[in-house]
């Protein structure tokens, strides 16, 4: 029968403790390496996402600035058109025809407005461009047949200008924009517009505006 040696037990226990210690050290080193790799990956992903966010923010800011510039230009050209129109529309209010010089001035600023709208078409929504073109066609109709412009059309044109201004502000994403409740130009395709002509389109819109005002008049409201 072999004698039990306590020294051998102690040596075995020491080797076991040493092995456990080495395993723990390896685990610790491995954990540190994995954590380091994870931090590197997180840093790379965070940097990538940050750069992507910066690029998107820069792009959004760029387009917002371009839209703001386009909207400002359209609004300035619209002011010129309405100014030329109101200057010319004093004639029918005074019982005289609009002069050729006044018509020419209106056409000149109208061409500037059309150019501003065309140059900004890529920046602004298609629905906006379509609605703006309807407003422009009303003005073109006024210039095409100035003898058919009555004095009351001043209010009509003023409301049209407010409508286009409202649409332009919407393109900038302004949160304070209430829903438009005023007159909206008669919807019409390009083919129909070409068929009836700009002057007739103006007359149809003026008549639609008159009918709308009459319908909203307190005298016609149900009791």
C-alpha atoms as a PDB file:
ATOM      1  CA  UNK A   1       0.000   0.000   0.000  1.00  0.00           C
ATOM      2  CA  UNK A   2       1.405   3.406  -1.124  1.00  0.00           C
ATOM      3  CA  UNK A   3       1.984   6.038   1.505  1.00  0.00           C
ATOM      4  CA  UNK A   4       0.007   9.278   1.010  1.00  0.00           C
ATOM      5  CA  UNK A   5       2.364  12.243   0.605  1.00  0.00           C
ATOM      6  CA  UNK A   6       0.850  15.599   1.622  1.00  0.00           C
ATOM      7  CA  UNK A   7       3.591  17.388  -0.311  1.00  0.00           C
ATOM      8  CA  UNK A   8       2.340  15.858  -3.555  1.00  0.00           C
ATOM      9  CA  UNK A   9      -1.173  17.104  -2.789  1.00  0.00           C
ATOM     10  CA  UNK A  10       0.135  20.590  -2.173  1.00  0.00           C
ATOM     11  CA  UNK A  11       2.122  20.538  -5.429  1.00  0.00           C
ATOM     12  CA  UNK A  12      -0.912  19.331  -7.343  1.00  0.00           C
ATOM     13  CA  UNK A  13      -3.031  22.041  -5.797  1.00  0.00           C
ATOM     14  CA  UNK A  14      -0.418  24.654  -6.690  1.00  0.00           C
ATOM     15  CA  UNK A  15      -0.351  23.485 -10.308  1.00  0.00           C
ATOM     16  CA  UNK A  16      -4.137  23.654 -10.400  1.00  0.00           C
ATOM     17  CA  UNK A  17      -4.138  27.168  -8.998  1.00  0.00           C
ATOM     18  CA  UNK A  18      -1.439  28.203 -11.473  1.00  0.00           C
ATOM     19  CA  UNK A  19      -3.409  26.739 -14.365  1.00  0.00           C
ATOM     20  CA  UNK A  20      -6.575  28.496 -13.216  1.00  0.00           C
ATOM     21  CA  UNK A  21      -4.649  31.739 -12.918  1.00  0.00           C
ATOM     22  CA  UNK A  22      -3.231  31.390 -16.430  1.00  0.00           C
ATOM     23  CA  UNK A  23      -6.702  30.647 -17.800  1.00  0.00           C
ATOM     24  CA  UNK A  24      -8.106  33.697 -16.064  1.00  0.00           C
ATOM     25  CA  UNK A  25      -5.292  35.847 -17.440  1.00  0.00           C
ATOM     26  CA  UNK A  26      -5.964  34.538 -20.944  1.00  0.00           C
ATOM     27  CA  UNK A  27      -9.667  35.179 -20.545  1.00  0.00           C
ATOM     28  CA  UNK A  28      -8.926  38.668 -19.323  1.00  0.00           C
ATOM     29  CA  UNK A  29      -6.604  39.347 -22.252  1.00  0.00           C
ATOM     30  CA  UNK A  30      -9.141  37.908 -24.678  1.00  0.00           C
ATOM     31  CA  UNK A  31     -11.903  40.010 -23.133  1.00  0.00           C
ATOM     32  CA  UNK A  32      -9.732  43.093 -23.441  1.00  0.00           C
ATOM     33  CA  UNK A  33      -8.991  42.317 -27.078  1.00  0.00           C
ATOM     34  CA  UNK A  34     -12.678  41.740 -27.840  1.00  0.00           C
ATOM     35  CA  UNK A  35     -13.657  44.911 -26.008  1.00  0.00           C
ATOM     36  CA  UNK A  36     -10.970  46.806 -27.906  1.00  0.00           C
ATOM     37  CA  UNK A  37     -12.207  45.447 -31.226  1.00  0.00           C
ATOM     38  CA  UNK A  38     -15.776  46.281 -30.260  1.00  0.00           C
ATOM     39  CA  UNK A  39     -14.767  49.831 -29.371  1.00  0.00           C
ATOM     40  CA  UNK A  40     -12.928  50.171 -32.680  1.00  0.00           C
ATOM     41  CA  UNK A  41     -15.957  48.900 -34.588  1.00  0.00           C
ATOM     42  CA  UNK A  42     -18.312  51.165 -32.630  1.00  0.00           C
ATOM     43  CA  UNK A  43     -16.004  54.098 -33.224  1.00  0.00           C
ATOM     44  CA  UNK A  44     -15.881  53.365 -36.953  1.00  0.00           C
ATOM     45  CA  UNK A  45     -19.670  52.969 -37.192  1.00  0.00           C
ATOM     46  CA  UNK A  46     -20.257  56.113 -35.119  1.00  0.00           C
ATOM     47  CA  UNK A  47     -17.821  58.067 -37.276  1.00  0.00           C
ATOM     48  CA  UNK A  48     -19.462  56.760 -40.440  1.00  0.00           C
ATOM     49  CA  UNK A  49     -22.949  57.619 -39.220  1.00  0.00           C
ATOM     50  CA  UNK A  50     -21.793  61.052 -38.062  1.00  0.00           C
ATOM     51  CA  UNK A  51     -20.214  61.803 -41.437  1.00  0.00           C
ATOM     52  CA  UNK A  52     -23.338  60.542 -43.189  1.00  0.00           C
ATOM     53  CA  UNK A  53     -25.512  62.730 -40.985  1.00  0.00           C
ATOM     54  CA  UNK A  54     -23.268  65.731 -41.667  1.00  0.00           C
ATOM     55  CA  UNK A  55     -23.427  65.074 -45.407  1.00  0.00           C
ATOM     56  CA  UNK A  56     -27.226  64.747 -45.336  1.00  0.00           C
ATOM     57  CA  UNK A  57     -27.550  67.856 -43.185  1.00  0.00           C
ATOM     58  CA  UNK A  58     -25.281  69.792 -45.544  1.00  0.00           C
ATOM     59  CA  UNK A  59     -27.288  68.587 -48.541  1.00  0.00           C
ATOM     60  CA  UNK A  60     -30.593  69.461 -46.867  1.00  0.00           C
ATOM     61  CA  UNK A  61     -29.265  72.886 -45.920  1.00  0.00           C
ATOM     62  CA  UNK A  62     -28.040  73.413 -49.478  1.00  0.00           C
ATOM     63  CA  UNK A  63     -31.426  72.609 -51.009  1.00  0.00           C
ATOM     64  CA  UNK A  64     -33.242  74.673 -48.377  1.00  0.00           C
ATOM     65  CA  UNK A  65     -31.061  77.675 -49.204  1.00  0.00           C
ATOM     66  CA  UNK A  66     -31.657  77.135 -52.921  1.00  0.00           C
ATOM     67  CA  UNK A  67     -35.408  76.852 -52.348  1.00  0.00           C
ATOM     68  CA  UNK A  68     -35.373  79.981 -50.230  1.00  0.00           C
ATOM     69  CA  UNK A  69     -33.526  81.831 -52.983  1.00  0.00           C
ATOM     70  CA  UNK A  70     -35.963  80.583 -55.611  1.00  0.00           C
ATOM     71  CA  UNK A  71     -39.003  81.457 -53.479  1.00  0.00           C
ATOM     72  CA  UNK A  72     -37.619  84.935 -52.767  1.00  0.00           C
ATOM     73  CA  UNK A  73     -37.015  85.522 -56.464  1.00  0.00           C
ATOM     74  CA  UNK A  74     -40.511  84.319 -57.401  1.00  0.00           C
ATOM     75  CA  UNK A  75     -42.088  86.534 -54.744  1.00  0.00           C
ATOM     76  CA  UNK A  76     -40.104  89.555 -55.971  1.00  0.00           C
ATOM     77  CA  UNK A  77     -41.110  88.943 -59.593  1.00  0.00           C
ATOM     78  CA  UNK A  78     -44.752  88.449 -58.549  1.00  0.00           C
ATOM     79  CA  UNK A  79     -44.671  91.803 -56.772  1.00  0.00           C
ATOM     80  CA  UNK A  80     -43.483  93.416 -59.998  1.00  0.00           C
ATOM     81  CA  UNK A  81     -46.306  91.761 -61.944  1.00  0.00           C
ATOM     82  CA  UNK A  82     -49.000  92.868 -59.519  1.00  0.00           C
ATOM     83  CA  UNK A  83     -47.463  96.340 -59.379  1.00  0.00           C
ATOM     84  CA  UNK A  84     -47.555  96.665 -63.163  1.00  0.00           C
ATOM     85  CA  UNK A  85     -51.085  95.286 -63.251  1.00  0.00           C
ATOM     86  CA  UNK A  86     -52.432  97.665 -60.600  1.00  0.00           C
ATOM     87  CA  UNK A  87     -50.782 100.579 -62.393  1.00  0.00           C
ATOM     88  CA  UNK A  88     -52.496  99.523 -65.619  1.00  0.00           C
ATOM     89  CA  UNK A  89     -55.841  98.671 -64.015  1.00  0.00           C
ATOM     90  CA  UNK A  90     -56.421 102.250 -62.924  1.00  0.00           C
ATOM     91  CA  UNK A  91     -57.436 102.852 -66.539  1.00  0.00           C
ATOM     92  CA  UNK A  92     -60.689 100.820 -66.528  1.00  0.00           C
ATOM     93  CA  UNK A  93     -61.472 102.193 -63.065  1.00  0.00           C
ATOM     94  CA  UNK A  94     -61.240 105.681 -64.617  1.00  0.00           C
ATOM     95  CA  UNK A  95     -63.286 104.705 -67.663  1.00  0.00           C
ATOM     96  CA  UNK A  96     -60.419 104.624 -70.157  1.00  0.00           C
ATOM     97  CA  UNK A  97     -58.649 101.765 -71.980  1.00  0.00           C
ATOM     98  CA  UNK A  98     -55.322 100.393 -70.820  1.00  0.00           C
ATOM     99  CA  UNK A  99     -52.565 101.930 -72.921  1.00  0.00           C
ATOM    100  CA  UNK A 100     -50.167  99.851 -75.071  1.00  0.00           C
ATOM    101  CA  UNK A 101     -47.282 101.118 -72.915  1.00  0.00           C
ATOM    102  CA  UNK A 102     -48.943  99.771 -69.765  1.00  0.00           C
ATOM    103  CA  UNK A 103     -49.601  96.436 -71.455  1.00  0.00           C
ATOM    104  CA  UNK A 104     -45.958  96.250 -72.559  1.00  0.00           C
ATOM    105  CA  UNK A 105     -44.777  96.935 -69.013  1.00  0.00           C
ATOM    106  CA  UNK A 106     -47.016  94.152 -67.721  1.00  0.00           C
ATOM    107  CA  UNK A 107     -45.730  91.698 -70.317  1.00  0.00           C
ATOM    108  CA  UNK A 108     -42.106  92.541 -69.509  1.00  0.00           C
ATOM    109  CA  UNK A 109     -42.406  91.757 -65.794  1.00  0.00           C
ATOM    110  CA  UNK A 110     -44.619  88.756 -66.539  1.00  0.00           C
ATOM    111  CA  UNK A 111     -41.790  87.317 -68.643  1.00  0.00           C
ATOM    112  CA  UNK A 112     -39.491  87.723 -65.629  1.00  0.00           C
ATOM    113  CA  UNK A 113     -41.925  85.822 -63.413  1.00  0.00           C
ATOM    114  CA  UNK A 114     -42.212  83.001 -65.950  1.00  0.00           C
ATOM    115  CA  UNK A 115     -38.417  82.776 -66.148  1.00  0.00           C
ATOM    116  CA  UNK A 116     -38.132  82.625 -62.355  1.00  0.00           C
ATOM    117  CA  UNK A 117     -40.702  79.818 -62.178  1.00  0.00           C
ATOM    118  CA  UNK A 118     -39.038  77.838 -64.969  1.00  0.00           C
ATOM    119  CA  UNK A 119     -35.564  78.134 -63.436  1.00  0.00           C
ATOM    120  CA  UNK A 120     -36.835  76.933 -60.043  1.00  0.00           C
ATOM    121  CA  UNK A 121     -38.888  74.002 -61.360  1.00  0.00           C
ATOM    122  CA  UNK A 122     -36.207  71.469 -60.375  1.00  0.00           C
ATOM    123  CA  UNK A 123     -36.197  72.741 -56.781  1.00  0.00           C
ATOM    124  CA  UNK A 124     -39.938  73.015 -56.184  1.00  0.00           C
ATOM    125  CA  UNK A 125     -42.706  70.411 -56.219  1.00  0.00           C
ATOM    126  CA  UNK A 126     -44.461  69.559 -59.466  1.00  0.00           C
ATOM    127  CA  UNK A 127     -47.869  70.380 -57.940  1.00  0.00           C
ATOM    128  CA  UNK A 128     -46.565  73.835 -57.065  1.00  0.00           C
ATOM    129  CA  UNK A 129     -45.305  74.436 -60.604  1.00  0.00           C
ATOM    130  CA  UNK A 130     -48.637  73.329 -62.069  1.00  0.00           C
ATOM    131  CA  UNK A 131     -50.626  75.626 -59.759  1.00  0.00           C
ATOM    132  CA  UNK A 132     -48.239  78.533 -60.357  1.00  0.00           C
ATOM    133  CA  UNK A 133     -48.620  78.077 -64.116  1.00  0.00           C
ATOM    134  CA  UNK A 134     -52.397  78.452 -63.779  1.00  0.00           C
ATOM    135  CA  UNK A 135     -51.918  81.774 -61.987  1.00  0.00           C
ATOM    136  CA  UNK A 136     -49.443  82.909 -64.634  1.00  0.00           C
ATOM    137  CA  UNK A 137     -51.869  81.980 -67.408  1.00  0.00           C
ATOM    138  CA  UNK A 138     -54.470  84.288 -65.857  1.00  0.00           C
ATOM    139  CA  UNK A 139     -51.963  87.147 -66.027  1.00  0.00           C
ATOM    140  CA  UNK A 140     -51.088  86.196 -69.601  1.00  0.00           C
ATOM    141  CA  UNK A 141     -54.801  86.382 -70.410  1.00  0.00           C
ATOM    142  CA  UNK A 142     -54.971  89.896 -68.960  1.00  0.00           C
ATOM    143  CA  UNK A 143     -52.063  91.006 -71.151  1.00  0.00           C
ATOM    144  CA  UNK A 144     -53.583  89.254 -74.180  1.00  0.00           C
ATOM    145  CA  UNK A 145     -56.893  91.115 -73.969  1.00  0.00           C
ATOM    146  CA  UNK A 146     -56.483  94.249 -71.808  1.00  0.00           C
ATOM    147  CA  UNK A 147     -59.751  95.697 -73.136  1.00  0.00           C
ATOM    148  CA  UNK A 148     -61.637  92.912 -71.308  1.00  0.00           C
ATOM    149  CA  UNK A 149     -60.164  93.827 -67.908  1.00  0.00           C
ATOM    150  CA  UNK A 150     -62.815  95.405 -65.623  1.00  0.00           C
ATOM    151  CA  UNK A 151     -62.086  97.567 -62.590  1.00  0.00           C
ATOM    152  CA  UNK A 152     -63.275  94.864 -60.177  1.00  0.00           C
ATOM    153  CA  UNK A 153     -60.515  92.550 -61.377  1.00  0.00           C
ATOM    154  CA  UNK A 154     -58.134  94.355 -59.006  1.00  0.00           C
ATOM    155  CA  UNK A 155     -59.559  92.345 -56.094  1.00  0.00           C
ATOM    156  CA  UNK A 156     -59.459  89.201 -58.199  1.00  0.00           C
ATOM    157  CA  UNK A 157     -55.775  89.655 -59.053  1.00  0.00           C
ATOM    158  CA  UNK A 158     -54.928  90.517 -55.462  1.00  0.00           C
ATOM    159  CA  UNK A 159     -56.444  87.231 -54.302  1.00  0.00           C
ATOM    160  CA  UNK A 160     -54.552  85.313 -56.991  1.00  0.00           C
ATOM    161  CA  UNK A 161     -51.286  86.903 -55.850  1.00  0.00           C
ATOM    162  CA  UNK A 162     -52.053  85.931 -52.250  1.00  0.00           C
ATOM    163  CA  UNK A 163     -52.740  82.372 -53.408  1.00  0.00           C
ATOM    164  CA  UNK A 164     -49.397  82.074 -55.201  1.00  0.00           C
ATOM    165  CA  UNK A 165     -47.614  83.604 -52.206  1.00  0.00           C
ATOM    166  CA  UNK A 166     -49.309  81.026 -49.974  1.00  0.00           C
ATOM    167  CA  UNK A 167     -48.145  78.172 -52.213  1.00  0.00           C
ATOM    168  CA  UNK A 168     -44.617  79.571 -52.329  1.00  0.00           C
ATOM    169  CA  UNK A 169     -44.401  79.740 -48.538  1.00  0.00           C
ATOM    170  CA  UNK A 170     -45.601  76.139 -48.353  1.00  0.00           C
ATOM    171  CA  UNK A 171     -42.611  75.084 -50.445  1.00  0.00           C
ATOM    172  CA  UNK A 172     -40.340  76.300 -47.655  1.00  0.00           C
ATOM    173  CA  UNK A 173     -42.071  74.033 -45.153  1.00  0.00           C
ATOM    174  CA  UNK A 174     -43.250  76.886 -42.952  1.00  0.00           C
ATOM    175  CA  UNK A 175     -45.256  75.475 -40.065  1.00  0.00           C
ATOM    176  CA  UNK A 176     -47.456  78.544 -39.624  1.00  0.00           C
ATOM    177  CA  UNK A 177     -49.195  78.071 -42.966  1.00  0.00           C
ATOM    178  CA  UNK A 178     -52.974  77.623 -42.527  1.00  0.00           C
ATOM    179  CA  UNK A 179     -55.030  75.918 -45.199  1.00  0.00           C
ATOM    180  CA  UNK A 180     -55.887  78.158 -48.153  1.00  0.00           C
ATOM    181  CA  UNK A 181     -59.575  79.078 -48.163  1.00  0.00           C
ATOM    182  CA  UNK A 182     -59.596  81.619 -50.952  1.00  0.00           C
ATOM    183  CA  UNK A 183     -60.101  81.387 -54.705  1.00  0.00           C
ATOM    184  CA  UNK A 184     -58.197  78.739 -56.648  1.00  0.00           C
ATOM    185  CA  UNK A 185     -57.710  79.022 -60.432  1.00  0.00           C
ATOM    186  CA  UNK A 186     -59.847  76.828 -62.653  1.00  0.00           C
ATOM    187  CA  UNK A 187     -58.077  73.503 -63.263  1.00  0.00           C
ATOM    188  CA  UNK A 188     -57.307  72.967 -66.933  1.00  0.00           C
ATOM    189  CA  UNK A 189     -54.895  70.837 -68.950  1.00  0.00           C
ATOM    190  CA  UNK A 190     -52.292  72.326 -71.278  1.00  0.00           C
ATOM    191  CA  UNK A 191     -54.246  71.030 -74.274  1.00  0.00           C
ATOM    192  CA  UNK A 192     -57.451  72.690 -73.122  1.00  0.00           C
ATOM    193  CA  UNK A 193     -55.556  75.884 -72.367  1.00  0.00           C
ATOM    194  CA  UNK A 194     -54.079  75.982 -75.856  1.00  0.00           C
ATOM    195  CA  UNK A 195     -57.504  75.359 -77.340  1.00  0.00           C
ATOM    196  CA  UNK A 196     -59.384  78.197 -75.617  1.00  0.00           C
ATOM    197  CA  UNK A 197     -56.490  80.673 -75.328  1.00  0.00           C
ATOM    198  CA  UNK A 198     -55.163  82.703 -72.389  1.00  0.00           C
ATOM    199  CA  UNK A 199     -57.690  85.531 -72.758  1.00  0.00           C
ATOM    200  CA  UNK A 200     -60.624  83.133 -72.468  1.00  0.00           C
ATOM    201  CA  UNK A 201     -58.965  81.420 -69.517  1.00  0.00           C
ATOM    202  CA  UNK A 202     -58.770  84.783 -67.758  1.00  0.00           C
ATOM    203  CA  UNK A 203     -62.463  85.450 -68.415  1.00  0.00           C
ATOM    204  CA  UNK A 204     -63.487  82.010 -67.116  1.00  0.00           C
ATOM    205  CA  UNK A 205     -61.495  82.493 -63.920  1.00  0.00           C
ATOM    206  CA  UNK A 206     -62.876  85.975 -63.386  1.00  0.00           C
ATOM    207  CA  UNK A 207     -66.401  84.604 -63.794  1.00  0.00           C
ATOM    208  CA  UNK A 208     -65.679  81.715 -61.400  1.00  0.00           C
ATOM    209  CA  UNK A 209     -64.327  84.225 -58.875  1.00  0.00           C
ATOM    210  CA  UNK A 210     -67.470  86.378 -59.230  1.00  0.00           C
ATOM    211  CA  UNK A 211     -69.728  83.370 -58.702  1.00  0.00           C
ATOM    212  CA  UNK A 212     -67.762  82.332 -55.628  1.00  0.00           C
ATOM    213  CA  UNK A 213     -68.058  85.802 -54.121  1.00  0.00           C
ATOM    214  CA  UNK A 214     -71.762  85.879 -54.851  1.00  0.00           C
ATOM    215  CA  UNK A 215     -72.255  82.478 -53.206  1.00  0.00           C
ATOM    216  CA  UNK A 216     -70.394  83.675 -50.106  1.00  0.00           C
ATOM    217  CA  UNK A 217     -72.265  86.976 -49.919  1.00  0.00           C
ATOM    218  CA  UNK A 218     -74.367  87.383 -46.741  1.00  0.00           C
ATOM    219  CA  UNK A 219     -77.297  88.431 -48.905  1.00  0.00           C
ATOM    220  CA  UNK A 220     -77.306  84.963 -50.502  1.00  0.00           C
ATOM    221  CA  UNK A 221     -76.583  83.008 -47.344  1.00  0.00           C
ATOM    222  CA  UNK A 222     -79.450  80.803 -46.073  1.00  0.00           C
ATOM    223  CA  UNK A 223     -81.365  82.177 -43.088  1.00  0.00           C
END
